[in-house]
Amino acid sequence: MTEILNCKGMKCPQPILKAAIKANTLAPGTTLEVHADCHSFSQDIQKWCNDNGKVLISIVDKGGLKVATIQL
């Protein structure tokens, strides 16, 4: 199951905070896809995943929109 979290237009650290809140509501093993256009999102989400034991599957840049796929 994949959940999508739209964080377009939010400035950091909002996308990371929203991802953390959403992750706490989902079952382990769920895939969370976070869409954000904040300039530091890629680095921030990598650090958050490392700090919280989540698996960052990929970060894809789609013309300024970054899509992070995380295994919870």
Protein backbone atom coordinates (compact mmCIF):
# COMPACT_ATOMS: atom_id res chain seq x y z
CA MET A 1 0.00 0.00 0.00
CA THR A 2 1.33 3.46 -0.93
CA GLU A 3 0.21 6.68 0.73
CA ILE A 4 0.89 9.98 -1.03
CA LEU A 5 1.65 13.18 0.89
CA ASN A 6 1.54 16.42 -1.10
CA CYS A 7 3.85 19.04 0.40
CA LYS A 8 4.19 21.24 -2.68
CA GLY A 9 4.59 24.92 -1.85
CA MET A 10 5.69 24.28 1.74
CA LYS A 11 9.00 25.64 3.01
CA CYS A 12 11.33 23.44 5.01
CA PRO A 13 11.00 22.12 7.64
CA GLN A 14 7.25 21.74 6.98
CA PRO A 15 7.53 18.82 4.51
CA ILE A 16 9.64 16.84 6.99
CA LEU A 17 7.29 17.59 9.88
CA LYS A 18 4.27 16.59 7.80
CA ALA A 19 6.02 13.37 6.72
CA ALA A 20 6.85 12.53 10.35
CA ILE A 21 3.25 13.09 11.45
CA LYS A 22 1.90 11.03 8.54
CA ALA A 23 4.42 8.22 9.15
CA ASN A 24 3.19 7.91 12.75
CA THR A 25 -0.35 7.20 11.51
CA LEU A 26 0.66 4.44 9.08
CA ALA A 27 1.39 0.76 9.65
CA PRO A 28 4.97 -0.52 9.42
CA GLY A 29 5.71 -1.75 5.91
CA THR A 30 3.61 0.95 4.27
CA THR A 31 5.22 3.00 1.51
CA LEU A 32 4.98 6.77 1.85
CA GLU A 33 5.51 8.95 -1.20
CA VAL A 34 6.24 12.59 -0.34
CA HIS A 35 6.04 15.29 -3.01
CA ALA A 36 7.88 18.54 -2.21
CA ASP A 37 9.50 21.45 -4.01
CA CYS A 38 11.52 22.88 -1.10
CA HIS A 39 15.19 23.37 -2.05
CA SER A 40 16.60 21.40 0.90
CA PHE A 41 14.00 18.61 0.90
CA SER A 42 16.28 15.90 -0.54
CA GLN A 43 18.93 16.31 2.15
CA ASP A 44 16.36 16.79 4.92
CA ILE A 45 14.36 13.67 4.07
CA GLN A 46 17.54 11.56 3.85
CA LYS A 47 18.57 12.69 7.32
CA TRP A 48 15.07 12.12 8.73
CA CYS A 49 14.98 8.58 7.32
CA ASN A 50 18.43 7.78 8.76
CA ASP A 51 17.56 9.24 12.15
CA ASN A 52 14.23 7.40 12.37
CA GLY A 53 15.07 3.99 10.94
CA LYS A 54 13.05 4.43 7.74
CA VAL A 55 14.24 3.16 4.36
CA LEU A 56 14.58 5.85 1.70
CA ILE A 57 13.88 3.90 -1.48
CA SER A 58 14.39 6.78 -3.90
CA ILE A 59 14.30 10.51 -4.49
CA VAL A 60 13.37 11.51 -8.02
CA ASP A 61 13.54 15.09 -9.30
CA LYS A 62 10.66 15.74 -11.67
CA GLY A 63 11.49 19.20 -12.93
CA GLY A 64 11.87 20.87 -9.55
CA LEU A 65 9.34 18.64 -7.80
CA LYS A 66 11.11 16.06 -5.68
CA VAL A 67 9.35 12.75 -5.02
CA ALA A 68 10.71 10.74 -2.10
CA THR A 69 9.59 7.13 -1.67
CA ILE A 70 10.00 5.85 1.88
CA GLN A 71 9.44 2.37 3.31
CA LEU A 72 8.07 2.72 6.83
